[in-house]
C-alpha cells in the first residue's frame, strides 16, 4: 500500500495541507456570502418578507379581535378561527385581491369562487375591503367588483353591495367606517354610505346616506340623524292609545245615551198630549209623530255625556 506523502515525504504533512485547503475554501465561501449580504441583493428581500409576515400577523389578530368584540357567541380564538366563515371569506379575498392588483388573469376569480363554494360568501377580487370587517353568519352576502368598504364595518347575512345594471365603471356602493348593515339589506348603485351609519334589516338603499344616520325601509330613508328622529313625529311609544279600551268607553257612552232616550220616550208616552195623538188604530198620528220623535231623540242628558 502506498501512503500519500507531501513534498517533504511526510504523510502527516499531506493531511495538514489538505485541511488548510479546506479551511481556505470555507473561508472563501463565507466571505462571498457576507459580501453578498452586504451588497444589498438579499437583505431587502428578507426585510420585505419579515415586514409582510408582521403585517399579516397583525391583520389576522385584528380580524380575530373584531369578531370577539362584536359577537358575544365567540368564546375562544380556536372557535373564531374554525367556525366563522366570514373570517375565512375575508382571508381568501385578501389573497384574491393581491393577485387581482398584480394583474394575474383568471386565478383571482378562481380563488373568489372557491371562497364562495366554501363559505357561501361571494366577494369579487376587485372589491376594496378595509380593516376590521366582520361578516356575521355570512350566508348569501355578495360584494361587487367596485365596492369599497371602510374600517370596522359589520355586515350580516343576505346583504348585497351590488349594482343596478344601469351603470358602468364605478357601479357599486362605497361604505364608510363603523357602518352596520342589517340582514337582507340591499345597497345598490354607486351610492355613498357615510361613517357611523346603521342600515335596518331588509332595507333597499339606492341613495346616499349621510353620516351618523339610521336608514330603514324600501326605498331606504333616514329616520334618525345625529340621535334625533327625522321626518316622523316623535311618538311616545310607552303611552300609546289603547283602541280596545277606547271602543269599550264608546260603547258605555252609547248605552247611557240610549238609556236616556228610552227614559224620555217613557215619559212622553205618559203625557196626555201624547196619548191623544194616537189614532183609532193605535198608531201615532203622523202630524204628532214628528213632535214625539223630536222629544224622544233630543232629550236632556241625565249624566251630561256629550252626544256623538
C-alpha atoms as a PDB file:
ATOM      1  CA  UNK A   1       0.000   0.000   0.000  1.00  0.00           C
ATOM      2  CA  UNK A   2       1.365   3.376  -0.993  1.00  0.00           C
ATOM      3  CA  UNK A   3       0.808   6.163   1.532  1.00  0.00           C
ATOM      4  CA  UNK A   4       0.238   9.689   0.254  1.00  0.00           C
ATOM      5  CA  UNK A   5       3.151  11.894   1.081  1.00  0.00           C
ATOM      6  CA  UNK A   6       3.752  15.563   0.853  1.00  0.00           C
ATOM      7  CA  UNK A   7       6.689  17.347  -0.698  1.00  0.00           C
ATOM      8  CA  UNK A   8       8.671  16.547   2.395  1.00  0.00           C
ATOM      9  CA  UNK A   9       7.712  12.882   2.176  1.00  0.00           C
ATOM     10  CA  UNK A  10       5.723  13.110   5.475  1.00  0.00           C
ATOM     11  CA  UNK A  11       2.113  11.728   5.408  1.00  0.00           C
ATOM     12  CA  UNK A  12       1.119  13.995   8.312  1.00  0.00           C
ATOM     13  CA  UNK A  13       2.228  16.992   6.330  1.00  0.00           C
ATOM     14  CA  UNK A  14      -0.036  15.970   3.476  1.00  0.00           C
ATOM     15  CA  UNK A  15      -3.081  15.864   5.789  1.00  0.00           C
ATOM     16  CA  UNK A  16      -2.245  19.291   7.172  1.00  0.00           C
ATOM     17  CA  UNK A  17      -2.052  20.706   3.672  1.00  0.00           C
ATOM     18  CA  UNK A  18      -5.498  19.245   2.796  1.00  0.00           C
ATOM     19  CA  UNK A  19      -7.030  20.713   5.973  1.00  0.00           C
ATOM     20  CA  UNK A  20      -5.550  24.090   5.127  1.00  0.00           C
ATOM     21  CA  UNK A  21      -7.053  23.976   1.626  1.00  0.00           C
ATOM     22  CA  UNK A  22     -10.498  23.016   3.025  1.00  0.00           C
ATOM     23  CA  UNK A  23     -10.399  25.801   5.608  1.00  0.00           C
ATOM     24  CA  UNK A  24      -9.397  28.318   2.965  1.00  0.00           C
ATOM     25  CA  UNK A  25     -12.296  27.226   0.743  1.00  0.00           C
ATOM     26  CA  UNK A  26     -14.783  27.553   3.628  1.00  0.00           C
ATOM     27  CA  UNK A  27     -13.474  30.985   4.460  1.00  0.00           C
ATOM     28  CA  UNK A  28     -13.843  31.955   0.829  1.00  0.00           C
ATOM     29  CA  UNK A  29     -17.474  30.814   0.735  1.00  0.00           C
ATOM     30  CA  UNK A  30     -18.213  32.621   3.993  1.00  0.00           C
ATOM     31  CA  UNK A  31     -16.559  35.772   2.726  1.00  0.00           C
ATOM     32  CA  UNK A  32     -18.512  35.571  -0.527  1.00  0.00           C
ATOM     33  CA  UNK A  33     -21.818  35.104   1.339  1.00  0.00           C
ATOM     34  CA  UNK A  34     -21.003  38.006   3.634  1.00  0.00           C
ATOM     35  CA  UNK A  35     -20.186  40.217   0.672  1.00  0.00           C
ATOM     36  CA  UNK A  36     -23.445  39.100  -0.987  1.00  0.00           C
ATOM     37  CA  UNK A  37     -25.492  40.020   2.066  1.00  0.00           C
ATOM     38  CA  UNK A  38     -23.709  43.339   2.423  1.00  0.00           C
ATOM     39  CA  UNK A  39     -24.194  44.105  -1.240  1.00  0.00           C
ATOM     40  CA  UNK A  40     -27.956  44.525  -0.658  1.00  0.00           C
ATOM     41  CA  UNK A  41     -29.057  41.752  -3.012  1.00  0.00           C
ATOM     42  CA  UNK A  42     -30.607  39.592  -0.261  1.00  0.00           C
ATOM     43  CA  UNK A  43     -31.251  41.934   2.661  1.00  0.00           C
ATOM     44  CA  UNK A  44     -34.177  43.818   1.046  1.00  0.00           C
ATOM     45  CA  UNK A  45     -35.929  40.554   0.186  1.00  0.00           C
ATOM     46  CA  UNK A  46     -35.545  39.239   3.710  1.00  0.00           C
ATOM     47  CA  UNK A  47     -36.673  42.577   5.113  1.00  0.00           C
ATOM     48  CA  UNK A  48     -39.746  42.623   2.911  1.00  0.00           C
ATOM     49  CA  UNK A  49     -40.575  39.064   3.923  1.00  0.00           C
ATOM     50  CA  UNK A  50     -40.256  39.919   7.603  1.00  0.00           C
ATOM     51  CA  UNK A  51     -42.356  43.072   7.203  1.00  0.00           C
ATOM     52  CA  UNK A  52     -45.032  41.179   5.293  1.00  0.00           C
ATOM     53  CA  UNK A  53     -45.164  38.486   7.963  1.00  0.00           C
ATOM     54  CA  UNK A  54     -45.585  41.078  10.699  1.00  0.00           C
ATOM     55  CA  UNK A  55     -48.276  42.901   8.748  1.00  0.00           C
ATOM     56  CA  UNK A  56     -50.228  39.714   8.008  1.00  0.00           C
ATOM     57  CA  UNK A  57     -49.991  38.592  11.634  1.00  0.00           C
ATOM     58  CA  UNK A  58     -51.243  41.972  12.839  1.00  0.00           C
ATOM     59  CA  UNK A  59     -54.196  41.896  10.419  1.00  0.00           C
ATOM     60  CA  UNK A  60     -55.166  38.385  11.463  1.00  0.00           C
ATOM     61  CA  UNK A  61     -55.003  39.396  15.119  1.00  0.00           C
ATOM     62  CA  UNK A  62     -57.198  42.412  14.385  1.00  0.00           C
ATOM     63  CA  UNK A  63     -59.709  40.260  12.496  1.00  0.00           C
ATOM     64  CA  UNK A  64     -59.982  37.879  15.439  1.00  0.00           C
ATOM     65  CA  UNK A  65     -60.351  40.793  17.850  1.00  0.00           C
ATOM     66  CA  UNK A  66     -63.167  42.269  15.729  1.00  0.00           C
ATOM     67  CA  UNK A  67     -65.102  39.006  15.897  1.00  0.00           C
ATOM     68  CA  UNK A  68     -64.695  38.725  19.658  1.00  0.00           C
ATOM     69  CA  UNK A  69     -65.749  42.332  20.231  1.00  0.00           C
ATOM     70  CA  UNK A  70     -68.918  42.169  18.115  1.00  0.00           C
ATOM     71  CA  UNK A  71     -70.174  38.628  18.622  1.00  0.00           C
ATOM     72  CA  UNK A  72     -70.967  37.519  22.188  1.00  0.00           C
ATOM     73  CA  UNK A  73     -71.043  33.909  20.959  1.00  0.00           C
ATOM     74  CA  UNK A  74     -67.298  33.966  20.204  1.00  0.00           C
ATOM     75  CA  UNK A  75     -65.746  32.351  23.263  1.00  0.00           C
ATOM     76  CA  UNK A  76     -62.224  31.435  22.162  1.00  0.00           C
ATOM     77  CA  UNK A  77     -59.644  32.103  19.483  1.00  0.00           C
ATOM     78  CA  UNK A  78     -59.809  28.492  18.309  1.00  0.00           C
ATOM     79  CA  UNK A  79     -63.571  28.794  17.860  1.00  0.00           C
ATOM     80  CA  UNK A  80     -63.171  32.009  15.882  1.00  0.00           C
ATOM     81  CA  UNK A  81     -60.503  30.515  13.625  1.00  0.00           C
ATOM     82  CA  UNK A  82     -62.507  27.386  12.841  1.00  0.00           C
ATOM     83  CA  UNK A  83     -66.191  28.329  12.990  1.00  0.00           C
ATOM     84  CA  UNK A  84     -66.553  31.753  11.347  1.00  0.00           C
ATOM     85  CA  UNK A  85     -66.973  31.579   7.554  1.00  0.00           C
ATOM     86  CA  UNK A  86     -66.951  35.367   7.330  1.00  0.00           C
ATOM     87  CA  UNK A  87     -63.362  35.323   8.540  1.00  0.00           C
ATOM     88  CA  UNK A  88     -62.370  32.632   6.051  1.00  0.00           C
ATOM     89  CA  UNK A  89     -64.025  34.533   3.198  1.00  0.00           C
ATOM     90  CA  UNK A  90     -62.164  37.704   4.191  1.00  0.00           C
ATOM     91  CA  UNK A  91     -58.781  35.978   4.192  1.00  0.00           C
ATOM     92  CA  UNK A  92     -59.422  34.322   0.835  1.00  0.00           C
ATOM     93  CA  UNK A  93     -60.492  37.679  -0.566  1.00  0.00           C
ATOM     94  CA  UNK A  94     -57.239  39.279   0.523  1.00  0.00           C
ATOM     95  CA  UNK A  95     -55.289  36.639  -1.376  1.00  0.00           C
ATOM     96  CA  UNK A  96     -57.503  37.068  -4.442  1.00  0.00           C
ATOM     97  CA  UNK A  97     -57.303  40.868  -4.216  1.00  0.00           C
ATOM     98  CA  UNK A  98     -53.489  40.770  -4.077  1.00  0.00           C
ATOM     99  CA  UNK A  99     -53.443  38.687  -7.261  1.00  0.00           C
ATOM    100  CA  UNK A 100     -56.039  40.988  -8.845  1.00  0.00           C
ATOM    101  CA  UNK A 101     -53.929  44.101  -8.221  1.00  0.00           C
ATOM    102  CA  UNK A 102     -50.944  42.406  -9.852  1.00  0.00           C
ATOM    103  CA  UNK A 103     -52.954  41.737 -12.987  1.00  0.00           C
ATOM    104  CA  UNK A 104     -52.927  37.955 -12.676  1.00  0.00           C
ATOM    105  CA  UNK A 105     -55.617  36.593 -15.025  1.00  0.00           C
ATOM    106  CA  UNK A 106     -58.348  34.123 -14.028  1.00  0.00           C
ATOM    107  CA  UNK A 107     -56.687  32.932 -10.808  1.00  0.00           C
ATOM    108  CA  UNK A 108     -58.183  35.702  -8.613  1.00  0.00           C
ATOM    109  CA  UNK A 109     -61.681  34.762  -9.777  1.00  0.00           C
ATOM    110  CA  UNK A 110     -60.959  31.095  -9.110  1.00  0.00           C
ATOM    111  CA  UNK A 111     -59.898  31.929  -5.559  1.00  0.00           C
ATOM    112  CA  UNK A 112     -63.048  34.032  -5.152  1.00  0.00           C
ATOM    113  CA  UNK A 113     -65.277  31.236  -6.419  1.00  0.00           C
ATOM    114  CA  UNK A 114     -63.548  28.745  -4.145  1.00  0.00           C
ATOM    115  CA  UNK A 115     -64.300  31.051  -1.221  1.00  0.00           C
ATOM    116  CA  UNK A 116     -67.929  31.283  -2.333  1.00  0.00           C
ATOM    117  CA  UNK A 117     -68.166  27.488  -2.521  1.00  0.00           C
ATOM    118  CA  UNK A 118     -66.642  27.015   0.933  1.00  0.00           C
ATOM    119  CA  UNK A 119     -68.282  29.895   2.843  1.00  0.00           C
ATOM    120  CA  UNK A 120     -71.388  30.922   0.886  1.00  0.00           C
ATOM    121  CA  UNK A 121     -69.990  34.469   0.707  1.00  0.00           C
ATOM    122  CA  UNK A 122     -69.125  35.993  -2.661  1.00  0.00           C
ATOM    123  CA  UNK A 123     -66.624  38.851  -2.698  1.00  0.00           C
ATOM    124  CA  UNK A 124     -65.312  39.942  -6.063  1.00  0.00           C
ATOM    125  CA  UNK A 125     -61.498  40.089  -6.034  1.00  0.00           C
ATOM    126  CA  UNK A 126     -61.658  43.684  -7.259  1.00  0.00           C
ATOM    127  CA  UNK A 127     -63.568  44.900  -4.184  1.00  0.00           C
ATOM    128  CA  UNK A 128     -61.650  47.051  -1.705  1.00  0.00           C
ATOM    129  CA  UNK A 129     -62.100  45.941   1.905  1.00  0.00           C
ATOM    130  CA  UNK A 130     -60.858  47.910   4.912  1.00  0.00           C
ATOM    131  CA  UNK A 131     -59.575  46.697   8.252  1.00  0.00           C
ATOM    132  CA  UNK A 132     -61.750  45.117  10.910  1.00  0.00           C
ATOM    133  CA  UNK A 133     -64.568  43.878   8.649  1.00  0.00           C
ATOM    134  CA  UNK A 134     -66.873  41.425  10.432  1.00  0.00           C
ATOM    135  CA  UNK A 135     -69.292  39.359   8.338  1.00  0.00           C
ATOM    136  CA  UNK A 136     -71.614  37.666  10.828  1.00  0.00           C
ATOM    137  CA  UNK A 137     -73.243  34.377   9.730  1.00  0.00           C
ATOM    138  CA  UNK A 138     -72.426  35.395   6.176  1.00  0.00           C
ATOM    139  CA  UNK A 139     -74.695  33.187   4.077  1.00  0.00           C
ATOM    140  CA  UNK A 140     -75.740  34.970   0.904  1.00  0.00           C
ATOM    141  CA  UNK A 141     -73.503  38.029   1.256  1.00  0.00           C
ATOM    142  CA  UNK A 142     -72.470  39.482  -2.128  1.00  0.00           C
ATOM    143  CA  UNK A 143     -69.929  42.299  -2.583  1.00  0.00           C
ATOM    144  CA  UNK A 144     -69.420  43.597  -6.110  1.00  0.00           C
ATOM    145  CA  UNK A 145     -66.278  44.429  -8.044  1.00  0.00           C
ATOM    146  CA  UNK A 146     -66.134  48.199  -7.498  1.00  0.00           C
ATOM    147  CA  UNK A 147     -67.497  48.172  -3.948  1.00  0.00           C
ATOM    148  CA  UNK A 148     -65.424  49.906  -1.284  1.00  0.00           C
ATOM    149  CA  UNK A 149     -65.832  49.014   2.386  1.00  0.00           C
ATOM    150  CA  UNK A 150     -64.276  51.099   5.156  1.00  0.00           C
ATOM    151  CA  UNK A 151     -62.841  50.094   8.507  1.00  0.00           C
ATOM    152  CA  UNK A 152     -64.725  48.364  11.333  1.00  0.00           C
ATOM    153  CA  UNK A 153     -67.791  47.573   9.221  1.00  0.00           C
ATOM    154  CA  UNK A 154     -70.267  44.887  10.307  1.00  0.00           C
ATOM    155  CA  UNK A 155     -72.292  43.024   7.677  1.00  0.00           C
ATOM    156  CA  UNK A 156     -74.984  40.459   8.441  1.00  0.00           C
ATOM    157  CA  UNK A 157     -76.278  37.608   6.310  1.00  0.00           C
ATOM    158  CA  UNK A 158     -78.017  38.185   2.998  1.00  0.00           C
ATOM    159  CA  UNK A 159     -76.539  41.639   2.352  1.00  0.00           C
ATOM    160  CA  UNK A 160     -75.815  42.732  -1.213  1.00  0.00           C
ATOM    161  CA  UNK A 161     -73.459  45.534  -2.189  1.00  0.00           C
ATOM    162  CA  UNK A 162     -74.440  45.409  -5.830  1.00  0.00           C
ATOM    163  CA  UNK A 163     -75.165  47.410  -8.934  1.00  0.00           C
ATOM    164  CA  UNK A 164     -78.375  48.492 -10.602  1.00  0.00           C
ATOM    165  CA  UNK A 165     -77.432  47.114 -14.013  1.00  0.00           C
ATOM    166  CA  UNK A 166     -77.626  50.625 -15.490  1.00  0.00           C
ATOM    167  CA  UNK A 167     -74.127  51.851 -14.683  1.00  0.00           C
ATOM    168  CA  UNK A 168     -70.614  51.171 -15.902  1.00  0.00           C
ATOM    169  CA  UNK A 169     -67.283  51.834 -14.261  1.00  0.00           C
ATOM    170  CA  UNK A 170     -67.847  52.625 -10.597  1.00  0.00           C
ATOM    171  CA  UNK A 171     -71.212  50.920 -10.091  1.00  0.00           C
ATOM    172  CA  UNK A 172     -71.198  49.559  -6.542  1.00  0.00           C
ATOM    173  CA  UNK A 173     -71.587  51.251  -3.141  1.00  0.00           C
ATOM    174  CA  UNK A 174     -68.904  52.958  -1.108  1.00  0.00           C
ATOM    175  CA  UNK A 175     -69.342  52.258   2.601  1.00  0.00           C
ATOM    176  CA  UNK A 176     -67.693  54.417   5.256  1.00  0.00           C
ATOM    177  CA  UNK A 177     -66.192  53.462   8.597  1.00  0.00           C
ATOM    178  CA  UNK A 178     -68.073  51.959  11.558  1.00  0.00           C
ATOM    179  CA  UNK A 179     -71.146  51.092   9.481  1.00  0.00           C
ATOM    180  CA  UNK A 180     -73.612  48.352  10.466  1.00  0.00           C
ATOM    181  CA  UNK A 181     -75.629  46.768   7.639  1.00  0.00           C
ATOM    182  CA  UNK A 182     -78.583  44.668   8.796  1.00  0.00           C
ATOM    183  CA  UNK A 183     -79.558  41.274   7.440  1.00  0.00           C
ATOM    184  CA  UNK A 184     -81.038  41.039   3.914  1.00  0.00           C
ATOM    185  CA  UNK A 185     -80.318  44.698   3.149  1.00  0.00           C
ATOM    186  CA  UNK A 186     -79.651  45.683  -0.449  1.00  0.00           C
ATOM    187  CA  UNK A 187     -77.309  48.581  -1.232  1.00  0.00           C
ATOM    188  CA  UNK A 188     -77.472  49.206  -4.961  1.00  0.00           C
ATOM    189  CA  UNK A 189     -75.591  51.523  -7.283  1.00  0.00           C
ATOM    190  CA  UNK A 190     -72.636  53.858  -6.886  1.00  0.00           C
ATOM    191  CA  UNK A 191     -74.012  55.389  -3.704  1.00  0.00           C
ATOM    192  CA  UNK A 192     -72.081  56.613  -0.687  1.00  0.00           C
ATOM    193  CA  UNK A 193     -72.850  55.463   2.845  1.00  0.00           C
ATOM    194  CA  UNK A 194     -71.337  57.819   5.408  1.00  0.00           C
ATOM    195  CA  UNK A 195     -69.485  56.944   8.584  1.00  0.00           C
ATOM    196  CA  UNK A 196     -71.367  55.544  11.594  1.00  0.00           C
ATOM    197  CA  UNK A 197     -74.489  54.743   9.559  1.00  0.00           C
ATOM    198  CA  UNK A 198     -76.859  51.972  10.646  1.00  0.00           C
ATOM    199  CA  UNK A 199     -78.975  50.290   7.968  1.00  0.00           C
ATOM    200  CA  UNK A 200     -82.014  48.361   9.157  1.00  0.00           C
ATOM    201  CA  UNK A 201     -82.672  44.780   8.135  1.00  0.00           C
ATOM    202  CA  UNK A 202     -84.419  44.349   4.805  1.00  0.00           C
ATOM    203  CA  UNK A 203     -83.778  47.912   3.651  1.00  0.00           C
ATOM    204  CA  UNK A 204     -83.237  48.728  -0.018  1.00  0.00           C
ATOM    205  CA  UNK A 205     -80.878  51.691  -0.228  1.00  0.00           C
ATOM    206  CA  UNK A 206     -80.462  53.380  -3.612  1.00  0.00           C
ATOM    207  CA  UNK A 207     -79.472  56.886  -2.473  1.00  0.00           C
ATOM    208  CA  UNK A 208     -76.633  58.340  -0.439  1.00  0.00           C
ATOM    209  CA  UNK A 209     -76.914  58.089   3.345  1.00  0.00           C
ATOM    210  CA  UNK A 210     -75.359  60.932   5.372  1.00  0.00           C
ATOM    211  CA  UNK A 211     -73.024  60.142   8.237  1.00  0.00           C
ATOM    212  CA  UNK A 212     -74.452  59.364  11.686  1.00  0.00           C
ATOM    213  CA  UNK A 213     -77.893  58.361  10.413  1.00  0.00           C
ATOM    214  CA  UNK A 214     -80.134  55.319  10.683  1.00  0.00           C
ATOM    215  CA  UNK A 215     -81.683  54.205   7.388  1.00  0.00           C
ATOM    216  CA  UNK A 216     -84.684  51.885   7.059  1.00  0.00           C
ATOM    217  CA  UNK A 217     -87.364  50.973   4.546  1.00  0.00           C
ATOM    218  CA  UNK A 218     -87.829  50.345   0.845  1.00  0.00           C
ATOM    219  CA  UNK A 219     -86.604  52.615  -0.543  1.00  0.00           C
ATOM    220  CA  UNK A 220     -84.314  53.332   2.382  1.00  0.00           C
ATOM    221  CA  UNK A 221     -84.618  56.727   4.023  1.00  0.00           C
ATOM    222  CA  UNK A 222     -83.018  58.258   7.114  1.00  0.00           C
ATOM    223  CA  UNK A 223     -85.241  58.105  10.190  1.00  0.00           C
ATOM    224  CA  UNK A 224     -82.645  59.119  12.770  1.00  0.00           C
ATOM    225  CA  UNK A 225     -79.903  61.699  12.268  1.00  0.00           C
ATOM    226  CA  UNK A 226     -77.437  62.693  14.974  1.00  0.00           C
ATOM    227  CA  UNK A 227     -79.637  60.912  17.521  1.00  0.00           C
ATOM    228  CA  UNK A 228     -82.866  62.771  16.608  1.00  0.00           C
ATOM    229  CA  UNK A 229     -85.831  61.477  14.632  1.00  0.00           C
ATOM    230  CA  UNK A 230     -86.155  62.703  11.066  1.00  0.00           C
ATOM    231  CA  UNK A 231     -89.367  63.064   9.048  1.00  0.00           C
ATOM    232  CA  UNK A 232     -91.672  61.299  11.527  1.00  0.00           C
ATOM    233  CA  UNK A 233     -93.350  62.521  14.727  1.00  0.00           C
ATOM    234  CA  UNK A 234     -91.600  61.775  17.969  1.00  0.00           C
ATOM    235  CA  UNK A 235     -94.208  59.379  19.359  1.00  0.00           C
ATOM    236  CA  UNK A 236     -94.177  58.326  22.988  1.00  0.00           C
ATOM    237  CA  UNK A 237     -94.467  54.588  22.434  1.00  0.00           C
ATOM    238  CA  UNK A 238     -94.783  53.977  26.168  1.00  0.00           C
ATOM    239  CA  UNK A 239     -98.174  55.732  26.303  1.00  0.00           C
ATOM    240  CA  UNK A 240     -99.838  54.803  23.026  1.00  0.00           C
ATOM    241  CA  UNK A 241    -103.690  54.861  22.986  1.00  0.00           C
ATOM    242  CA  UNK A 242    -105.456  51.558  23.594  1.00  0.00           C
ATOM    243  CA  UNK A 243    -108.019  51.051  20.787  1.00  0.00           C
ATOM    244  CA  UNK A 244    -109.855  48.287  22.687  1.00  0.00           C
ATOM    245  CA  UNK A 245    -110.276  50.449  25.771  1.00  0.00           C
ATOM    246  CA  UNK A 246    -111.429  53.366  23.629  1.00  0.00           C
ATOM    247  CA  UNK A 247    -114.031  51.141  21.939  1.00  0.00           C
ATOM    248  CA  UNK A 248    -115.337  49.981  25.326  1.00  0.00           C
ATOM    249  CA  UNK A 249    -115.656  53.578  26.522  1.00  0.00           C
ATOM    250  CA  UNK A 250    -117.558  54.430  23.347  1.00  0.00           C
ATOM    251  CA  UNK A 251    -119.971  51.538  23.929  1.00  0.00           C
ATOM    252  CA  UNK A 252    -120.588  52.638  27.525  1.00  0.00           C
ATOM    253  CA  UNK A 253    -121.323  56.194  26.426  1.00  0.00           C
ATOM    254  CA  UNK A 254    -123.704  54.907  23.758  1.00  0.00           C
ATOM    255  CA  UNK A 255    -125.531  52.738  26.300  1.00  0.00           C
ATOM    256  CA  UNK A 256    -126.008  55.747  28.572  1.00  0.00           C
ATOM    257  CA  UNK A 257    -127.336  57.742  25.632  1.00  0.00           C
ATOM    258  CA  UNK A 258    -129.821  55.005  24.715  1.00  0.00           C
ATOM    259  CA  UNK A 259    -130.995  54.723  28.320  1.00  0.00           C
ATOM    260  CA  UNK A 260    -131.599  58.475  28.382  1.00  0.00           C
ATOM    261  CA  UNK A 261    -133.604  58.264  25.177  1.00  0.00           C
ATOM    262  CA  UNK A 262    -135.671  55.323  26.483  1.00  0.00           C
ATOM    263  CA  UNK A 263    -136.440  57.251  29.661  1.00  0.00           C
ATOM    264  CA  UNK A 264    -137.510  60.270  27.618  1.00  0.00           C
ATOM    265  CA  UNK A 265    -139.770  58.082  25.464  1.00  0.00           C
ATOM    266  CA  UNK A 266    -141.340  56.547  28.571  1.00  0.00           C
ATOM    267  CA  UNK A 267    -142.121  59.980  29.975  1.00  0.00           C
ATOM    268  CA  UNK A 268    -143.523  61.132  26.633  1.00  0.00           C
ATOM    269  CA  UNK A 269    -145.799  58.080  26.477  1.00  0.00           C
ATOM    270  CA  UNK A 270    -147.320  59.012  29.852  1.00  0.00           C
ATOM    271  CA  UNK A 271    -148.017  62.568  28.684  1.00  0.00           C
ATOM    272  CA  UNK A 272    -151.819  63.076  27.988  1.00  0.00           C
ATOM    273  CA  UNK A 273    -150.990  65.091  24.893  1.00  0.00           C
ATOM    274  CA  UNK A 274    -149.047  62.144  23.521  1.00  0.00           C
ATOM    275  CA  UNK A 275    -151.947  59.781  24.314  1.00  0.00           C
ATOM    276  CA  UNK A 276    -154.405  61.979  22.377  1.00  0.00           C
ATOM    277  CA  UNK A 277    -152.077  61.811  19.390  1.00  0.00           C
ATOM    278  CA  UNK A 278    -152.858  58.121  18.968  1.00  0.00           C
ATOM    279  CA  UNK A 279    -155.144  57.301  16.037  1.00  0.00           C
ATOM    280  CA  UNK A 280    -158.068  54.929  16.222  1.00  0.00           C
ATOM    281  CA  UNK A 281    -155.869  52.039  15.023  1.00  0.00           C
ATOM    282  CA  UNK A 282    -153.456  52.589  17.899  1.00  0.00           C
ATOM    283  CA  UNK A 283    -150.651  54.142  15.844  1.00  0.00           C
ATOM    284  CA  UNK A 284    -149.342  57.689  16.436  1.00  0.00           C
ATOM    285  CA  UNK A 285    -150.918  60.376  14.306  1.00  0.00           C
ATOM    286  CA  UNK A 286    -148.472  61.466  11.567  1.00  0.00           C
ATOM    287  CA  UNK A 287    -148.803  65.129  12.476  1.00  0.00           C
ATOM    288  CA  UNK A 288    -147.896  64.456  16.091  1.00  0.00           C
ATOM    289  CA  UNK A 289    -145.267  61.757  15.373  1.00  0.00           C
ATOM    290  CA  UNK A 290    -142.596  64.249  14.414  1.00  0.00           C
ATOM    291  CA  UNK A 291    -143.072  66.174  17.598  1.00  0.00           C
ATOM    292  CA  UNK A 292    -142.934  62.991  19.654  1.00  0.00           C
ATOM    293  CA  UNK A 293    -139.829  61.872  17.778  1.00  0.00           C
ATOM    294  CA  UNK A 294    -138.167  65.191  18.398  1.00  0.00           C
ATOM    295  CA  UNK A 295    -138.827  64.882  22.090  1.00  0.00           C
ATOM    296  CA  UNK A 296    -137.566  61.290  22.142  1.00  0.00           C
ATOM    297  CA  UNK A 297    -134.377  61.856  20.085  1.00  0.00           C
ATOM    298  CA  UNK A 298    -133.270  65.077  21.692  1.00  0.00           C
ATOM    299  CA  UNK A 299    -133.761  64.566  25.417  1.00  0.00           C
ATOM    300  CA  UNK A 300    -131.882  66.350  28.141  1.00  0.00           C
ATOM    301  CA  UNK A 301    -128.875  64.239  29.123  1.00  0.00           C
ATOM    302  CA  UNK A 302    -129.067  62.760  32.590  1.00  0.00           C
ATOM    303  CA  UNK A 303    -125.298  62.471  33.091  1.00  0.00           C
ATOM    304  CA  UNK A 304    -124.067  65.325  30.952  1.00  0.00           C
ATOM    305  CA  UNK A 305    -122.294  62.990  28.490  1.00  0.00           C
ATOM    306  CA  UNK A 306    -121.893  64.777  25.118  1.00  0.00           C
ATOM    307  CA  UNK A 307    -123.722  63.464  22.068  1.00  0.00           C
ATOM    308  CA  UNK A 308    -121.814  61.732  19.251  1.00  0.00           C
END
